[in-house]
């Protein structure tokens, strides 16, 4: 008997990969918007404000990493993130 998860799990078929990409884009967008509105925040506070404990295993960590790689926001120091265009080292 299989259950239905509120968020997608690991990648499988092409439709699953597309759905996972959609969710990841959404999660990155949520983080980006929060940082643009509030400025630099610690990882823990970002997670609490966005309710990431309900996203599913490893999704928050993955969204943070992917968001930095895409340039949606940046990591400023250990466990802290800021909008992409802010700070002394902004591009």
PDB file of N, CA and C in Angstrom:
ATOM      1  N   UNK A   1       0.848  -1.183   0.000  1.00  0.00           N
ATOM      2  CA  UNK A   1       0.000   0.000   0.000  1.00  0.00           C
ATOM      3  C   UNK A   1       0.890   1.240   0.000  1.00  0.00           C
ATOM      4  N   UNK A   2       0.633   2.148  -0.903  1.00  0.00           N
ATOM      5  CA  UNK A   2       1.464   3.345  -0.975  1.00  0.00           C
ATOM      6  C   UNK A   2       0.692   4.555  -0.481  1.00  0.00           C
ATOM      7  N   UNK A   3       1.427   5.518   0.086  1.00  0.00           N
ATOM      8  CA  UNK A   3       0.826   6.749   0.570  1.00  0.00           C
ATOM      9  C   UNK A   3       1.127   7.883  -0.387  1.00  0.00           C
ATOM     10  N   UNK A   4       0.485   8.992  -0.169  1.00  0.00           N
ATOM     11  CA  UNK A   4       0.704  10.168  -0.994  1.00  0.00           C
ATOM     12  C   UNK A   4       1.416  11.204  -0.141  1.00  0.00           C
ATOM     13  N   UNK A   5       2.580  11.629  -0.588  1.00  0.00           N
ATOM     14  CA  UNK A   5       3.346  12.638   0.130  1.00  0.00           C
ATOM     15  C   UNK A   5       2.896  14.030  -0.303  1.00  0.00           C
ATOM     16  N   UNK A   6       2.902  15.008   0.618  1.00  0.00           N
ATOM     17  CA  UNK A   6       2.492  16.355   0.242  1.00  0.00           C
ATOM     18  C   UNK A   6       3.468  17.042  -0.696  1.00  0.00           C
ATOM     19  N   UNK A   7       4.707  16.599  -0.722  1.00  0.00           N
ATOM     20  CA  UNK A   7       5.712  17.148  -1.611  1.00  0.00           C
ATOM     21  C   UNK A   7       6.411  15.990  -2.309  1.00  0.00           C
ATOM     22  N   UNK A   8       6.917  16.218  -3.497  1.00  0.00           N
ATOM     23  CA  UNK A   8       7.542  15.133  -4.243  1.00  0.00           C
ATOM     24  C   UNK A   8       8.823  14.650  -3.583  1.00  0.00           C
ATOM     25  N   UNK A   9       9.132  13.395  -3.798  1.00  0.00           N
ATOM     26  CA  UNK A   9      10.343  12.786  -3.272  1.00  0.00           C
ATOM     27  C   UNK A   9      11.454  12.832  -4.292  1.00  0.00           C
ATOM     28  N   UNK A  10      12.373  11.880  -4.230  1.00  0.00           N
ATOM     29  CA  UNK A  10      13.497  11.848  -5.156  1.00  0.00           C
ATOM     30  C   UNK A  10      13.042  11.721  -6.604  1.00  0.00           C
ATOM     31  N   UNK A  11      13.912  12.137  -7.501  1.00  0.00           N
ATOM     32  CA  UNK A  11      13.590  12.110  -8.927  1.00  0.00           C
ATOM     33  C   UNK A  11      13.381  10.692  -9.417  1.00  0.00           C
ATOM     34  N   UNK A  12      12.446  10.525 -10.323  1.00  0.00           N
ATOM     35  CA  UNK A  12      12.159   9.238 -10.927  1.00  0.00           C
ATOM     36  C   UNK A  12      11.959   9.421 -12.411  1.00  0.00           C
ATOM     37  N   UNK A  13      10.718   9.353 -12.841  1.00  0.00           N
ATOM     38  CA  UNK A  13      10.402   9.513 -14.257  1.00  0.00           C
ATOM     39  C   UNK A  13      10.505  10.985 -14.667  1.00  0.00           C
ATOM     40  N   UNK A  14      10.399  11.243 -15.961  1.00  0.00           N
ATOM     41  CA  UNK A  14      10.486  12.616 -16.475  1.00  0.00           C
ATOM     42  C   UNK A  14       9.406  13.510 -15.864  1.00  0.00           C
ATOM     43  N   UNK A  15       8.119  13.068 -15.806  1.00  0.00           N
ATOM     44  CA  UNK A  15       7.123  13.927 -15.149  1.00  0.00           C
ATOM     45  C   UNK A  15       7.480  14.210 -13.690  1.00  0.00           C
ATOM     46  N   UNK A  16       8.031  13.220 -12.990  1.00  0.00           N
ATOM     47  CA  UNK A  16       8.453  13.438 -11.608  1.00  0.00           C
ATOM     48  C   UNK A  16       9.572  14.469 -11.541  1.00  0.00           C
ATOM     49  N   UNK A  17      10.521  14.402 -12.475  1.00  0.00           N
ATOM     50  CA  UNK A  17      11.628  15.355 -12.502  1.00  0.00           C
ATOM     51  C   UNK A  17      11.117  16.760 -12.774  1.00  0.00           C
ATOM     52  N   UNK A  18      10.151  16.881 -13.670  1.00  0.00           N
ATOM     53  CA  UNK A  18       9.566  18.195 -13.972  1.00  0.00           C
ATOM     54  C   UNK A  18       8.842  18.749 -12.752  1.00  0.00           C
ATOM     55  N   UNK A  19       8.124  17.885 -12.058  1.00  0.00           N
ATOM     56  CA  UNK A  19       7.427  18.331 -10.859  1.00  0.00           C
ATOM     57  C   UNK A  19       8.415  18.724  -9.774  1.00  0.00           C
ATOM     58  N   UNK A  20       9.466  17.958  -9.603  1.00  0.00           N
ATOM     59  CA  UNK A  20      10.496  18.305  -8.616  1.00  0.00           C
ATOM     60  C   UNK A  20      11.132  19.645  -8.951  1.00  0.00           C
ATOM     61  N   UNK A  21      11.384  19.888 -10.234  1.00  0.00           N
ATOM     62  CA  UNK A  21      11.963  21.158 -10.666  1.00  0.00           C
ATOM     63  C   UNK A  21      11.010  22.315 -10.352  1.00  0.00           C
ATOM     64  N   UNK A  22       9.711  22.085 -10.589  1.00  0.00           N
ATOM     65  CA  UNK A  22       8.712  23.117 -10.290  1.00  0.00           C
ATOM     66  C   UNK A  22       8.730  23.451  -8.799  1.00  0.00           C
ATOM     67  N   UNK A  23       8.742  22.439  -7.945  1.00  0.00           N
ATOM     68  CA  UNK A  23       8.764  22.667  -6.497  1.00  0.00           C
ATOM     69  C   UNK A  23      10.050  23.364  -6.078  1.00  0.00           C
ATOM     70  N   UNK A  24      11.189  22.941  -6.645  1.00  0.00           N
ATOM     71  CA  UNK A  24      12.450  23.578  -6.278  1.00  0.00           C
ATOM     72  C   UNK A  24      12.460  25.041  -6.709  1.00  0.00           C
ATOM     73  N   UNK A  25      11.968  25.335  -7.895  1.00  0.00           N
ATOM     74  CA  UNK A  25      11.877  26.727  -8.343  1.00  0.00           C
ATOM     75  C   UNK A  25      11.023  27.544  -7.372  1.00  0.00           C
ATOM     76  N   UNK A  26       9.936  26.978  -6.929  1.00  0.00           N
ATOM     77  CA  UNK A  26       9.039  27.652  -5.977  1.00  0.00           C
ATOM     78  C   UNK A  26       9.749  27.903  -4.655  1.00  0.00           C
ATOM     79  N   UNK A  27      10.447  26.895  -4.156  1.00  0.00           N
ATOM     80  CA  UNK A  27      11.148  27.026  -2.874  1.00  0.00           C
ATOM     81  C   UNK A  27      12.256  28.075  -2.956  1.00  0.00           C
ATOM     82  N   UNK A  28      12.996  28.078  -4.050  1.00  0.00           N
ATOM     83  CA  UNK A  28      14.038  29.084  -4.247  1.00  0.00           C
ATOM     84  C   UNK A  28      13.410  30.472  -4.311  1.00  0.00           C
ATOM     85  N   UNK A  29      12.295  30.596  -4.992  1.00  0.00           N
ATOM     86  CA  UNK A  29      11.597  31.873  -5.092  1.00  0.00           C
ATOM     87  C   UNK A  29      11.143  32.372  -3.718  1.00  0.00           C
ATOM     88  N   UNK A  30      10.641  31.473  -2.886  1.00  0.00           N
ATOM     89  CA  UNK A  30      10.224  31.856  -1.531  1.00  0.00           C
ATOM     90  C   UNK A  30      11.407  32.391  -0.722  1.00  0.00           C
ATOM     91  N   UNK A  31      12.534  31.696  -0.798  1.00  0.00           N
ATOM     92  CA  UNK A  31      13.732  32.127  -0.070  1.00  0.00           C
ATOM     93  C   UNK A  31      14.207  33.477  -0.602  1.00  0.00           C
ATOM     94  N   UNK A  32      14.261  33.600  -1.923  1.00  0.00           N
ATOM     95  CA  UNK A  32      14.712  34.839  -2.564  1.00  0.00           C
ATOM     96  C   UNK A  32      13.840  36.022  -2.141  1.00  0.00           C
ATOM     97  N   UNK A  33      12.527  35.838  -2.186  1.00  0.00           N
ATOM     98  CA  UNK A  33      11.603  36.914  -1.811  1.00  0.00           C
ATOM     99  C   UNK A  33      11.787  37.322  -0.357  1.00  0.00           C
ATOM    100  N   UNK A  34      11.907  36.344   0.536  1.00  0.00           N
ATOM    101  CA  UNK A  34      12.111  36.643   1.952  1.00  0.00           C
ATOM    102  C   UNK A  34      13.385  37.453   2.149  1.00  0.00           C
ATOM    103  N   UNK A  35      14.473  37.036   1.515  1.00  0.00           N
ATOM    104  CA  UNK A  35      15.737  37.749   1.670  1.00  0.00           C
ATOM    105  C   UNK A  35      15.682  39.148   1.075  1.00  0.00           C
ATOM    106  N   UNK A  36      14.981  39.311  -0.035  1.00  0.00           N
ATOM    107  CA  UNK A  36      14.838  40.642  -0.630  1.00  0.00           C
ATOM    108  C   UNK A  36      14.031  41.566   0.271  1.00  0.00           C
ATOM    109  N   UNK A  37      13.047  41.015   0.982  1.00  0.00           N
ATOM    110  CA  UNK A  37      12.210  41.820   1.874  1.00  0.00           C
ATOM    111  C   UNK A  37      12.883  42.105   3.209  1.00  0.00           C
ATOM    112  N   UNK A  38      13.626  41.131   3.734  1.00  0.00           N
ATOM    113  CA  UNK A  38      14.170  41.241   5.087  1.00  0.00           C
ATOM    114  C   UNK A  38      15.671  41.471   5.153  1.00  0.00           C
ATOM    115  N   UNK A  39      16.382  41.234   4.070  1.00  0.00           N
ATOM    116  CA  UNK A  39      17.834  41.351   4.097  1.00  0.00           C
ATOM    117  C   UNK A  39      18.478  40.066   4.598  1.00  0.00           C
ATOM    118  N   UNK A  40      19.745  40.149   4.928  1.00  0.00           N
ATOM    119  CA  UNK A  40      20.521  38.984   5.346  1.00  0.00           C
ATOM    120  C   UNK A  40      19.903  38.325   6.584  1.00  0.00           C
ATOM    121  N   UNK A  41      19.794  36.995   6.529  1.00  0.00           N
ATOM    122  CA  UNK A  41      19.216  36.237   7.630  1.00  0.00           C
ATOM    123  C   UNK A  41      20.000  34.944   7.855  1.00  0.00           C
ATOM    124  N   UNK A  42      19.966  34.446   9.081  1.00  0.00           N
ATOM    125  CA  UNK A  42      20.568  33.132   9.317  1.00  0.00           C
ATOM    126  C   UNK A  42      19.688  32.022   8.743  1.00  0.00           C
ATOM    127  N   UNK A  43      20.328  30.952   8.356  1.00  0.00           N
ATOM    128  CA  UNK A  43      19.648  29.781   7.767  1.00  0.00           C
ATOM    129  C   UNK A  43      18.465  29.323   8.619  1.00  0.00           C
ATOM    130  N   UNK A  44      18.678  29.239   9.914  1.00  0.00           N
ATOM    131  CA  UNK A  44      17.636  28.755  10.818  1.00  0.00           C
ATOM    132  C   UNK A  44      16.387  29.648  10.766  1.00  0.00           C
ATOM    133  N   UNK A  45      16.597  30.951  10.739  1.00  0.00           N
ATOM    134  CA  UNK A  45      15.460  31.877  10.691  1.00  0.00           C
ATOM    135  C   UNK A  45      14.721  31.784   9.352  1.00  0.00           C
ATOM    136  N   UNK A  46      15.466  31.635   8.270  1.00  0.00           N
ATOM    137  CA  UNK A  46      14.830  31.469   6.957  1.00  0.00           C
ATOM    138  C   UNK A  46      13.924  30.241   7.006  1.00  0.00           C
ATOM    139  N   UNK A  47      14.459  29.149   7.502  1.00  0.00           N
ATOM    140  CA  UNK A  47      13.694  27.910   7.590  1.00  0.00           C
ATOM    141  C   UNK A  47      12.450  28.035   8.453  1.00  0.00           C
ATOM    142  N   UNK A  48      12.583  28.703   9.588  1.00  0.00           N
ATOM    143  CA  UNK A  48      11.437  28.880  10.474  1.00  0.00           C
ATOM    144  C   UNK A  48      10.356  29.738   9.834  1.00  0.00           C
ATOM    145  N   UNK A  49      10.762  30.837   9.228  1.00  0.00           N
ATOM    146  CA  UNK A  49       9.785  31.750   8.618  1.00  0.00           C
ATOM    147  C   UNK A  49       9.042  31.116   7.440  1.00  0.00           C
ATOM    148  N   UNK A  50       9.722  30.244   6.721  1.00  0.00           N
ATOM    149  CA  UNK A  50       9.102  29.630   5.541  1.00  0.00           C
ATOM    150  C   UNK A  50       8.472  28.275   5.829  1.00  0.00           C
ATOM    151  N   UNK A  51       8.597  27.796   7.050  1.00  0.00           N
ATOM    152  CA  UNK A  51       8.010  26.498   7.393  1.00  0.00           C
ATOM    153  C   UNK A  51       8.658  25.339   6.658  1.00  0.00           C
ATOM    154  N   UNK A  52       9.965  25.405   6.482  1.00  0.00           N
ATOM    155  CA  UNK A  52      10.642  24.403   5.665  1.00  0.00           C
ATOM    156  C   UNK A  52      10.575  23.000   6.253  1.00  0.00           C
ATOM    157  N   UNK A  53      10.273  22.869   7.532  1.00  0.00           N
ATOM    158  CA  UNK A  53      10.190  21.516   8.102  1.00  0.00           C
ATOM    159  C   UNK A  53       9.049  20.721   7.470  1.00  0.00           C
ATOM    160  N   UNK A  54       8.163  21.394   6.785  1.00  0.00           N
ATOM    161  CA  UNK A  54       7.054  20.717   6.097  1.00  0.00           C
ATOM    162  C   UNK A  54       7.350  20.450   4.619  1.00  0.00           C
ATOM    163  N   UNK A  55       8.499  20.881   4.128  1.00  0.00           N
ATOM    164  CA  UNK A  55       8.834  20.723   2.710  1.00  0.00           C
ATOM    165  C   UNK A  55       9.206  19.295   2.353  1.00  0.00           C
ATOM    166  N   UNK A  56       9.744  18.557   3.271  1.00  0.00           N
ATOM    167  CA  UNK A  56      10.213  17.201   2.998  1.00  0.00           C
ATOM    168  C   UNK A  56      11.696  17.098   3.264  1.00  0.00           C
ATOM    169  N   UNK A  57      12.193  15.873   3.376  1.00  0.00           N
ATOM    170  CA  UNK A  57      13.601  15.672   3.720  1.00  0.00           C
ATOM    171  C   UNK A  57      14.559  16.290   2.705  1.00  0.00           C
ATOM    172  N   UNK A  58      15.511  17.031   3.202  1.00  0.00           N
ATOM    173  CA  UNK A  58      16.607  17.618   2.420  1.00  0.00           C
ATOM    174  C   UNK A  58      16.179  18.699   1.429  1.00  0.00           C
ATOM    175  N   UNK A  59      14.908  19.030   1.354  1.00  0.00           N
ATOM    176  CA  UNK A  59      14.455  19.993   0.348  1.00  0.00           C
ATOM    177  C   UNK A  59      14.962  21.405   0.651  1.00  0.00           C
ATOM    178  N   UNK A  60      14.965  21.806   1.917  1.00  0.00           N
ATOM    179  CA  UNK A  60      15.426  23.144   2.267  1.00  0.00           C
ATOM    180  C   UNK A  60      16.914  23.286   1.959  1.00  0.00           C
ATOM    181  N   UNK A  61      17.709  22.326   2.370  1.00  0.00           N
ATOM    182  CA  UNK A  61      19.153  22.348   2.107  1.00  0.00           C
ATOM    183  C   UNK A  61      19.419  22.396   0.599  1.00  0.00           C
ATOM    184  N   UNK A  62      18.680  21.576  -0.145  1.00  0.00           N
ATOM    185  CA  UNK A  62      18.845  21.528  -1.595  1.00  0.00           C
ATOM    186  C   UNK A  62      18.448  22.859  -2.241  1.00  0.00           C
ATOM    187  N   UNK A  63      17.359  23.470  -1.755  1.00  0.00           N
ATOM    188  CA  UNK A  63      16.911  24.754  -2.309  1.00  0.00           C
ATOM    189  C   UNK A  63      17.925  25.860  -2.020  1.00  0.00           C
ATOM    190  N   UNK A  64      18.510  25.857  -0.825  1.00  0.00           N
ATOM    191  CA  UNK A  64      19.530  26.859  -0.512  1.00  0.00           C
ATOM    192  C   UNK A  64      20.726  26.715  -1.443  1.00  0.00           C
ATOM    193  N   UNK A  65      21.199  25.499  -1.603  1.00  0.00           N
ATOM    194  CA  UNK A  65      22.364  25.251  -2.452  1.00  0.00           C
ATOM    195  C   UNK A  65      22.074  25.635  -3.905  1.00  0.00           C
ATOM    196  N   UNK A  66      20.927  25.199  -4.418  1.00  0.00           N
ATOM    197  CA  UNK A  66      20.562  25.497  -5.808  1.00  0.00           C
ATOM    198  C   UNK A  66      20.352  26.998  -6.014  1.00  0.00           C
ATOM    199  N   UNK A  67      19.752  27.660  -5.044  1.00  0.00           N
ATOM    200  CA  UNK A  67      19.526  29.101  -5.157  1.00  0.00           C
ATOM    201  C   UNK A  67      20.824  29.883  -5.230  1.00  0.00           C
ATOM    202  N   UNK A  68      21.817  29.478  -4.452  1.00  0.00           N
ATOM    203  CA  UNK A  68      23.132  30.125  -4.501  1.00  0.00           C
ATOM    204  C   UNK A  68      23.789  29.845  -5.856  1.00  0.00           C
ATOM    205  N   UNK A  69      23.721  28.586  -6.309  1.00  0.00           N
ATOM    206  CA  UNK A  69      24.318  28.225  -7.598  1.00  0.00           C
ATOM    207  C   UNK A  69      23.683  28.994  -8.751  1.00  0.00           C
ATOM    208  N   UNK A  70      22.383  29.244  -8.684  1.00  0.00           N
ATOM    209  CA  UNK A  70      21.673  29.979  -9.739  1.00  0.00           C
ATOM    210  C   UNK A  70      21.847  31.490  -9.627  1.00  0.00           C
ATOM    211  N   UNK A  71      22.361  31.957  -8.498  1.00  0.00           N
ATOM    212  CA  UNK A  71      22.524  33.391  -8.295  1.00  0.00           C
ATOM    213  C   UNK A  71      21.268  34.088  -7.810  1.00  0.00           C
ATOM    214  N   UNK A  72      20.291  33.324  -7.312  1.00  0.00           N
ATOM    215  CA  UNK A  72      19.049  33.912  -6.804  1.00  0.00           C
ATOM    216  C   UNK A  72      19.291  34.666  -5.497  1.00  0.00           C
ATOM    217  N   UNK A  73      20.248  34.203  -4.719  1.00  0.00           N
ATOM    218  CA  UNK A  73      20.678  34.831  -3.475  1.00  0.00           C
ATOM    219  C   UNK A  73      22.088  34.324  -3.212  1.00  0.00           C
ATOM    220  N   UNK A  74      22.724  34.832  -2.167  1.00  0.00           N
ATOM    221  CA  UNK A  74      24.107  34.432  -1.913  1.00  0.00           C
ATOM    222  C   UNK A  74      24.322  34.057  -0.453  1.00  0.00           C
ATOM    223  N   UNK A  75      25.315  33.246  -0.255  1.00  0.00           N
ATOM    224  CA  UNK A  75      25.724  32.858   1.090  1.00  0.00           C
ATOM    225  C   UNK A  75      26.779  33.869   1.522  1.00  0.00           C
ATOM    226  N   UNK A  76      26.573  34.501   2.676  1.00  0.00           N
ATOM    227  CA  UNK A  76      27.500  35.537   3.133  1.00  0.00           C
ATOM    228  C   UNK A  76      28.536  34.998   4.107  1.00  0.00           C
ATOM    229  N   UNK A  77      28.164  34.027   4.880  1.00  0.00           N
ATOM    230  CA  UNK A  77      29.067  33.382   5.826  1.00  0.00           C
ATOM    231  C   UNK A  77      28.428  32.060   6.222  1.00  0.00           C
ATOM    232  N   UNK A  78      29.071  31.348   7.103  1.00  0.00           N
ATOM    233  CA  UNK A  78      28.541  30.054   7.520  1.00  0.00           C
ATOM    234  C   UNK A  78      27.122  30.212   8.070  1.00  0.00           C
ATOM    235  N   UNK A  79      26.167  29.648   7.341  1.00  0.00           N
ATOM    236  CA  UNK A  79      24.783  29.656   7.805  1.00  0.00           C
ATOM    237  C   UNK A  79      24.037  30.958   7.639  1.00  0.00           C
ATOM    238  N   UNK A  80      24.529  31.887   6.830  1.00  0.00           N
ATOM    239  CA  UNK A  80      23.835  33.157   6.604  1.00  0.00           C
ATOM    240  C   UNK A  80      23.694  33.401   5.105  1.00  0.00           C
ATOM    241  N   UNK A  81      22.544  33.954   4.740  1.00  0.00           N
ATOM    242  CA  UNK A  81      22.235  34.201   3.326  1.00  0.00           C
ATOM    243  C   UNK A  81      21.689  35.612   3.170  1.00  0.00           C
ATOM    244  N   UNK A  82      21.897  36.173   1.977  1.00  0.00           N
ATOM    245  CA  UNK A  82      21.476  37.545   1.689  1.00  0.00           C
ATOM    246  C   UNK A  82      20.985  37.622   0.248  1.00  0.00           C
ATOM    247  N   UNK A  83      20.247  38.690  -0.077  1.00  0.00           N
ATOM    248  CA  UNK A  83      19.832  38.878  -1.474  1.00  0.00           C
ATOM    249  C   UNK A  83      21.049  38.924  -2.388  1.00  0.00           C
ATOM    250  N   UNK A  84      20.876  38.552  -3.624  1.00  0.00           N
ATOM    251  CA  UNK A  84      21.993  38.463  -4.574  1.00  0.00           C
ATOM    252  C   UNK A  84      22.684  39.801  -4.793  1.00  0.00           C
ATOM    253  N   UNK A  85      21.949  40.882  -4.835  1.00  0.00           N
ATOM    254  CA  UNK A  85      22.535  42.168  -5.183  1.00  0.00           C
ATOM    255  C   UNK A  85      22.901  43.047  -4.015  1.00  0.00           C
ATOM    256  N   UNK A  86      23.084  42.490  -2.846  1.00  0.00           N
ATOM    257  CA  UNK A  86      23.380  43.330  -1.683  1.00  0.00           C
ATOM    258  C   UNK A  86      24.784  43.069  -1.163  1.00  0.00           C
ATOM    259  N   UNK A  87      25.259  43.994  -0.381  1.00  0.00           N
ATOM    260  CA  UNK A  87      26.520  43.790   0.304  1.00  0.00           C
ATOM    261  C   UNK A  87      27.726  44.280  -0.456  1.00  0.00           C
ATOM    262  N   UNK A  88      28.842  44.243   0.204  1.00  0.00           N
ATOM    263  CA  UNK A  88      30.104  44.755  -0.302  1.00  0.00           C
ATOM    264  C   UNK A  88      30.591  44.024  -1.537  1.00  0.00           C
ATOM    265  N   UNK A  89      30.304  42.731  -1.622  1.00  0.00           N
ATOM    266  CA  UNK A  89      30.824  41.918  -2.707  1.00  0.00           C
ATOM    267  C   UNK A  89      29.781  41.633  -3.784  1.00  0.00           C
ATOM    268  N   UNK A  90      28.736  42.402  -3.813  1.00  0.00           N
ATOM    269  CA  UNK A  90      27.683  42.183  -4.819  1.00  0.00           C
ATOM    270  C   UNK A  90      28.233  42.446  -6.211  1.00  0.00           C
ATOM    271  N   UNK A  91      27.704  41.704  -7.172  1.00  0.00           N
ATOM    272  CA  UNK A  91      28.154  41.853  -8.564  1.00  0.00           C
ATOM    273  C   UNK A  91      27.439  42.976  -9.247  1.00  0.00           C
TER     274      UNK A  91
END
